[in-house]
Amino acid sequence: MALVQVNFISKMLSRTVTFNAIIPLDKISFGEEEVVEKKPLKTLYLLHGAFGNYTDYLSGTRIQRWAEEHNLAVIMPSGENQFYIDKPNRGENYGAYVAQELVEFTREMFPLSDKREDTFIAGLSMGGYGAVINGLKYHDTFSHIGAFSPGLMIDQVAKRSELLSVTGWSLDFYDNAFGGIDSIKNSDKDYYYLIDQLLENKEEIPKMYIPIGTEDFLLESVRGFKSFLDDRKVPVTYIEDAGGHEWDFWDTYVKNFLDWLPLDEKGNYLNSGNVAE
């Protein structure tokens, strides 16, 4: 399993950025006769939550092991508490960085498939919001969306709800992060609006996988989005399970999400965890 850290200059963010990449090119199969087929890799763009960075999933989940098993490339950028949205008037285009620039750059750098059906986006908490927004906005690029305990809080932000105090962030923070609180609704920051636009234009909506813990403070917000999808007959794989807003829950559901994706069957590859078998 090749684990790569990359620094490059992002035009969308006007600075050097860093991402981690899991690239399963160095697999050794058991048995002399077994040959690993060489083909472009299916790819998951995986977005971290608030206060995190490009290292989070490597320390918080077993994503490296699962990516190797499924022959899946995983690209993990940093979102810097900015919710992965575009604010062009401030020169901060995190959505275009993740869903356009990063996709193009990594496809040039690594042997990744350029097919929509092989390209996925997912994230947790703030990154879950970013995955939903950018998965819908860039539906021609991504075929599947995973949103683990997603921060679907735009109603609360727009209404300046007391629920926001749970995060410890002020209204000024949200105003800055979203490029103005009053600019959220009916924009490309609004998942309700994006769904309705796709339906109106008869565009294909990416398949969605949304798990949420029954002890998560975001539960009611996520239930609201599920009801919205049900009202419009938009299919979604929605799961409520015991758990809070924490890594044990996300570790479980990152794995379950990969099992849900149309990935390669698990291979029998040599690694440090099974050399004695």
Protein backbone atom coordinates (compact mmCIF):
# COMPACT_ATOMS: atom_id res chain seq x y z
CA MET A 1 0.00 0.00 0.00
CA ALA A 2 1.52 3.31 -1.12
CA LEU A 3 0.78 6.17 1.27
CA VAL A 4 1.74 9.49 -0.28
CA GLN A 5 1.76 13.05 1.07
CA VAL A 6 1.59 15.69 -1.66
CA ASN A 7 2.12 19.45 -1.57
CA PHE A 8 1.15 21.52 -4.58
CA ILE A 9 0.12 25.06 -5.43
CA SER A 10 -3.64 25.41 -5.64
CA LYS A 11 -4.91 28.04 -8.05
CA MET A 12 -8.33 27.91 -6.38
CA LEU A 13 -6.90 28.73 -2.96
CA SER A 14 -3.86 30.75 -4.09
CA ARG A 15 -1.41 28.89 -1.87
CA THR A 16 0.39 25.62 -1.32
CA VAL A 17 -1.92 22.89 -0.02
CA THR A 18 -1.33 19.37 1.30
CA PHE A 19 -3.23 16.14 0.87
CA ASN A 20 -2.67 12.49 1.73
CA ALA A 21 -3.31 9.79 -0.84
CA ILE A 22 -3.71 6.05 -0.46
CA ILE A 23 -2.71 4.47 -3.77
CA PRO A 24 -2.93 0.65 -3.82
CA LEU A 25 -0.36 -0.04 -6.55
CA ASP A 26 2.21 -2.10 -4.62
CA LYS A 27 0.07 -5.10 -3.74
CA ILE A 28 1.59 -8.59 -3.67
CA SER A 29 -0.82 -11.44 -4.27
CA PHE A 30 -0.69 -14.82 -2.56
CA GLY A 31 0.19 -17.59 -5.00
CA GLU A 32 2.53 -17.46 -7.95
CA GLU A 33 -0.26 -17.88 -10.47
CA GLU A 34 -2.43 -15.00 -9.24
CA VAL A 35 -1.94 -11.85 -11.30
CA VAL A 36 -3.12 -8.42 -10.15
CA GLU A 37 -5.00 -6.79 -13.01
CA LYS A 38 -3.69 -3.34 -13.89
CA LYS A 39 -6.50 -0.88 -14.53
CA PRO A 40 -7.38 2.71 -13.57
CA LEU A 41 -8.28 2.94 -9.90
CA LYS A 42 -11.68 3.79 -8.54
CA THR A 43 -11.29 6.83 -6.29
CA LEU A 44 -12.81 8.24 -3.12
CA TYR A 45 -12.32 11.89 -2.19
CA LEU A 46 -12.65 11.86 1.60
CA LEU A 47 -13.31 15.08 3.53
CA HIS A 48 -12.52 15.56 7.22
CA GLY A 49 -14.65 17.31 9.82
CA ALA A 50 -14.20 20.52 11.79
CA PHE A 51 -10.87 21.09 13.54
CA GLY A 52 -9.32 18.30 11.42
CA ASN A 53 -6.92 18.04 8.51
CA TYR A 54 -5.63 15.65 5.86
CA THR A 55 -4.31 13.19 8.48
CA ASP A 56 -7.61 12.56 10.32
CA TYR A 57 -8.83 9.40 8.62
CA LEU A 58 -5.46 7.69 8.89
CA SER A 59 -5.47 8.08 12.67
CA GLY A 60 -9.22 7.83 13.31
CA THR A 61 -10.23 4.94 11.01
CA ARG A 62 -8.78 1.86 9.32
CA ILE A 63 -9.24 3.40 5.88
CA GLN A 64 -5.77 2.38 4.69
CA ARG A 65 -6.48 -1.31 5.28
CA TRP A 66 -9.92 -1.18 3.67
CA ALA A 67 -8.71 0.76 0.64
CA GLU A 68 -6.08 -1.88 0.01
CA GLU A 69 -8.62 -4.68 0.33
CA HIS A 70 -10.94 -3.01 -2.20
CA ASN A 71 -8.23 -1.73 -4.57
CA LEU A 72 -9.51 1.82 -3.95
CA ALA A 73 -7.54 5.06 -4.19
CA VAL A 74 -8.41 7.53 -1.41
CA ILE A 75 -7.58 11.24 -1.59
CA MET A 76 -7.74 13.17 1.71
CA PRO A 77 -7.42 16.98 1.50
CA SER A 78 -7.74 19.68 4.16
CA GLY A 79 -10.82 21.90 4.43
CA GLU A 80 -9.61 24.33 7.13
CA ASN A 81 -13.00 24.75 8.87
CA GLN A 82 -14.38 26.38 5.72
CA PHE A 83 -17.14 23.83 4.95
CA TYR A 84 -15.78 23.06 1.46
CA ILE A 85 -17.74 25.85 -0.22
CA ASP A 86 -16.84 28.59 -2.68
CA LYS A 87 -16.48 32.22 -1.65
CA PRO A 88 -15.12 33.81 -4.84
CA ASN A 89 -15.35 37.35 -3.49
CA ARG A 90 -12.84 36.29 -0.82
CA GLY A 91 -10.61 34.15 -3.03
CA GLU A 92 -11.56 31.01 -1.11
CA ASN A 93 -12.95 28.39 -3.48
CA TYR A 94 -12.84 25.23 -1.43
CA GLY A 95 -15.61 23.54 -3.40
CA ALA A 96 -13.91 24.09 -6.75
CA TYR A 97 -10.59 23.08 -5.18
CA VAL A 98 -11.91 19.73 -3.94
CA ALA A 99 -14.31 18.82 -6.75
CA GLN A 100 -12.47 20.21 -9.77
CA GLU A 101 -8.84 21.12 -9.20
CA LEU A 102 -7.98 18.26 -6.86
CA VAL A 103 -9.77 15.73 -9.06
CA GLU A 104 -7.93 16.94 -12.16
CA PHE A 105 -4.54 17.11 -10.39
CA THR A 106 -4.78 13.64 -8.85
CA ARG A 107 -5.94 12.10 -12.13
CA GLU A 108 -2.83 13.52 -13.79
CA MET A 109 -0.55 12.36 -10.98
CA PHE A 110 -1.94 8.86 -10.30
CA PRO A 111 -3.54 6.13 -12.47
CA LEU A 112 -7.11 7.03 -11.51
CA SER A 113 -10.24 6.31 -13.48
CA ASP A 114 -11.85 9.38 -15.04
CA LYS A 115 -15.27 7.72 -15.16
CA ARG A 116 -18.12 9.12 -13.12
CA GLU A 117 -19.18 5.66 -11.98
CA ASP A 118 -15.69 5.13 -10.50
CA THR A 119 -15.47 8.45 -8.65
CA PHE A 120 -16.95 9.01 -5.18
CA ILE A 121 -17.00 11.73 -2.51
CA ALA A 122 -17.62 11.36 1.22
CA GLY A 123 -17.01 13.09 4.51
CA LEU A 124 -17.94 13.31 8.16
CA SER A 125 -19.56 16.17 10.07
CA MET A 126 -18.43 19.37 8.31
CA GLY A 127 -16.96 17.13 5.61
CA GLY A 128 -20.32 15.36 5.32
CA TYR A 129 -21.90 18.69 4.47
CA GLY A 130 -19.08 19.34 2.00
CA ALA A 131 -19.57 15.93 0.39
CA VAL A 132 -23.32 16.49 -0.03
CA ILE A 133 -22.92 20.01 -1.42
CA ASN A 134 -20.12 19.18 -3.83
CA GLY A 135 -21.44 15.76 -4.75
CA LEU A 136 -24.70 17.39 -5.84
CA LYS A 137 -23.12 20.45 -7.42
CA TYR A 138 -20.59 18.35 -9.34
CA HIS A 139 -22.94 15.46 -10.07
CA ASP A 140 -21.26 14.92 -13.44
CA THR A 141 -18.05 14.01 -11.58
CA PHE A 142 -19.30 11.96 -8.60
CA SER A 143 -21.66 9.00 -8.78
CA HIS A 144 -21.92 8.26 -5.04
CA ILE A 145 -21.98 10.43 -1.91
CA GLY A 146 -21.23 9.33 1.64
CA ALA A 147 -22.20 11.68 4.47
CA PHE A 148 -21.38 10.39 7.96
CA SER A 149 -23.10 12.44 10.72
CA PRO A 150 -23.23 15.29 8.21
CA GLY A 151 -23.31 18.89 9.36
CA LEU A 152 -26.59 19.68 7.62
CA MET A 153 -27.19 22.79 9.67
CA ILE A 154 -28.02 25.49 7.16
CA ASP A 155 -31.52 26.00 8.58
CA GLN A 156 -30.05 26.53 12.03
CA VAL A 157 -27.34 28.82 10.68
CA ALA A 158 -29.81 30.86 8.61
CA LYS A 159 -32.09 31.23 11.66
CA ARG A 160 -29.14 31.87 13.99
CA SER A 161 -30.41 29.00 16.15
CA GLU A 162 -29.22 28.32 19.69
CA LEU A 163 -28.23 24.84 18.48
CA LEU A 164 -25.12 26.41 17.02
CA SER A 165 -23.76 26.98 20.53
CA VAL A 166 -23.06 23.23 20.73
CA THR A 167 -20.19 23.67 18.28
CA GLY A 168 -18.56 26.43 20.31
CA TRP A 169 -18.43 28.72 17.27
CA SER A 170 -19.87 32.22 17.20
CA LEU A 171 -22.28 33.60 14.63
CA ASP A 172 -19.39 35.67 13.30
CA PHE A 173 -17.52 32.43 12.57
CA TYR A 174 -20.46 31.00 10.60
CA ASP A 175 -20.93 34.32 8.81
CA ASN A 176 -17.31 34.16 7.66
CA ALA A 177 -17.28 30.42 6.89
CA PHE A 178 -20.38 30.64 4.69
CA GLY A 179 -19.50 33.96 3.09
CA GLY A 180 -22.48 35.63 4.77
CA ILE A 181 -25.27 33.88 6.66
CA ASP A 182 -27.95 35.54 4.56
CA SER A 183 -26.41 34.22 1.35
CA ILE A 184 -26.90 30.51 2.15
CA LYS A 185 -30.50 29.77 1.22
CA ASN A 186 -31.30 29.14 -2.45
CA SER A 187 -27.63 29.05 -3.38
CA ASP A 188 -25.01 26.42 -4.15
CA LYS A 189 -24.44 26.18 -0.38
CA ASP A 190 -28.02 24.93 0.08
CA TYR A 191 -28.53 21.17 -0.33
CA TYR A 192 -32.33 21.58 -0.59
CA TYR A 193 -31.90 24.01 -3.46
CA LEU A 194 -29.37 21.78 -5.24
CA ILE A 195 -31.68 18.76 -5.05
CA ASP A 196 -34.60 20.75 -6.43
CA GLN A 197 -32.44 22.10 -9.25
CA LEU A 198 -31.35 18.61 -10.25
CA LEU A 199 -34.94 17.38 -10.20
CA GLU A 200 -36.18 20.36 -12.18
CA ASN A 201 -33.47 19.83 -14.81
CA LYS A 202 -34.01 16.04 -14.82
CA GLU A 203 -30.37 15.44 -13.96
CA GLU A 204 -29.11 12.21 -12.43
CA ILE A 205 -28.71 12.59 -8.68
CA PRO A 206 -25.75 10.72 -7.14
CA LYS A 207 -26.61 7.80 -4.90
CA MET A 208 -26.42 8.82 -1.23
CA TYR A 209 -25.43 6.97 1.92
CA ILE A 210 -26.17 8.81 5.19
CA PRO A 211 -25.61 7.23 8.63
CA ILE A 212 -26.26 9.20 11.84
CA GLY A 213 -25.96 8.27 15.51
CA THR A 214 -29.06 8.30 17.69
CA GLU A 215 -27.12 10.27 20.32
CA ASP A 216 -25.75 12.78 17.81
CA PHE A 217 -26.70 16.44 18.31
CA LEU A 218 -27.22 16.67 14.53
CA LEU A 219 -29.84 13.90 14.46
CA GLU A 220 -32.93 16.11 13.98
CA SER A 221 -31.25 18.17 11.28
CA VAL A 222 -30.31 15.04 9.35
CA ARG A 223 -33.79 13.61 9.81
CA GLY A 224 -35.12 16.81 8.26
CA PHE A 225 -33.03 16.27 5.14
CA LYS A 226 -34.15 12.63 4.97
CA SER A 227 -37.82 13.75 5.10
CA PHE A 228 -37.12 16.29 2.35
CA LEU A 229 -35.65 13.54 0.14
CA ASP A 230 -38.57 11.23 0.89
CA ASP A 231 -41.07 13.93 -0.05
CA ARG A 232 -39.38 14.25 -3.43
CA LYS A 233 -38.95 10.48 -3.83
CA VAL A 234 -35.16 10.81 -4.02
CA PRO A 235 -33.59 7.46 -3.04
CA VAL A 236 -31.15 7.47 -0.12
CA THR A 237 -29.57 4.77 2.01
CA TYR A 238 -30.28 6.23 5.44
CA ILE A 239 -29.23 4.60 8.72
CA GLU A 240 -29.78 5.54 12.34
CA ASP A 241 -27.65 3.56 14.77
CA ALA A 242 -26.48 3.81 18.36
CA GLY A 243 -23.64 6.28 18.69
CA GLY A 244 -22.65 9.88 19.00
CA HIS A 245 -20.60 12.37 17.06
CA GLU A 246 -17.35 10.45 17.44
CA TRP A 247 -14.72 8.29 15.76
CA ASP A 248 -15.99 4.88 16.86
CA PHE A 249 -19.20 5.56 14.92
CA TRP A 250 -17.35 6.93 11.89
CA ASP A 251 -14.84 4.07 11.81
CA THR A 252 -17.73 1.62 11.60
CA TYR A 253 -19.61 3.50 8.91
CA VAL A 254 -16.65 4.37 6.73
CA LYS A 255 -16.17 0.60 6.41
CA ASN A 256 -19.88 0.01 5.80
CA PHE A 257 -19.90 2.75 3.18
CA LEU A 258 -17.05 1.09 1.30
CA ASP A 259 -18.95 -2.20 1.43
CA TRP A 260 -21.94 -0.33 -0.06
CA LEU A 261 -19.96 1.23 -2.91
CA PRO A 262 -19.57 -0.62 -6.24
CA LEU A 263 -15.95 -1.59 -5.56
CA ASP A 264 -13.76 -4.51 -6.51
CA GLU A 265 -14.13 -7.67 -4.49
CA LYS A 266 -11.65 -8.00 -1.65
CA GLY A 267 -8.38 -9.46 -2.87
CA ASN A 268 -6.01 -11.85 -1.12
CA TYR A 269 -2.95 -9.64 -0.83
CA LEU A 270 0.21 -9.91 1.23
CA ASN A 271 0.60 -7.25 3.92
CA SER A 272 2.05 -6.82 7.41
CA GLY A 273 -1.22 -7.98 8.95
CA ASN A 274 -1.33 -11.39 7.36
CA VAL A 275 2.26 -12.44 6.56
CA ALA A 276 2.04 -15.29 9.06
CA GLU A 277 -1.18 -16.76 7.69
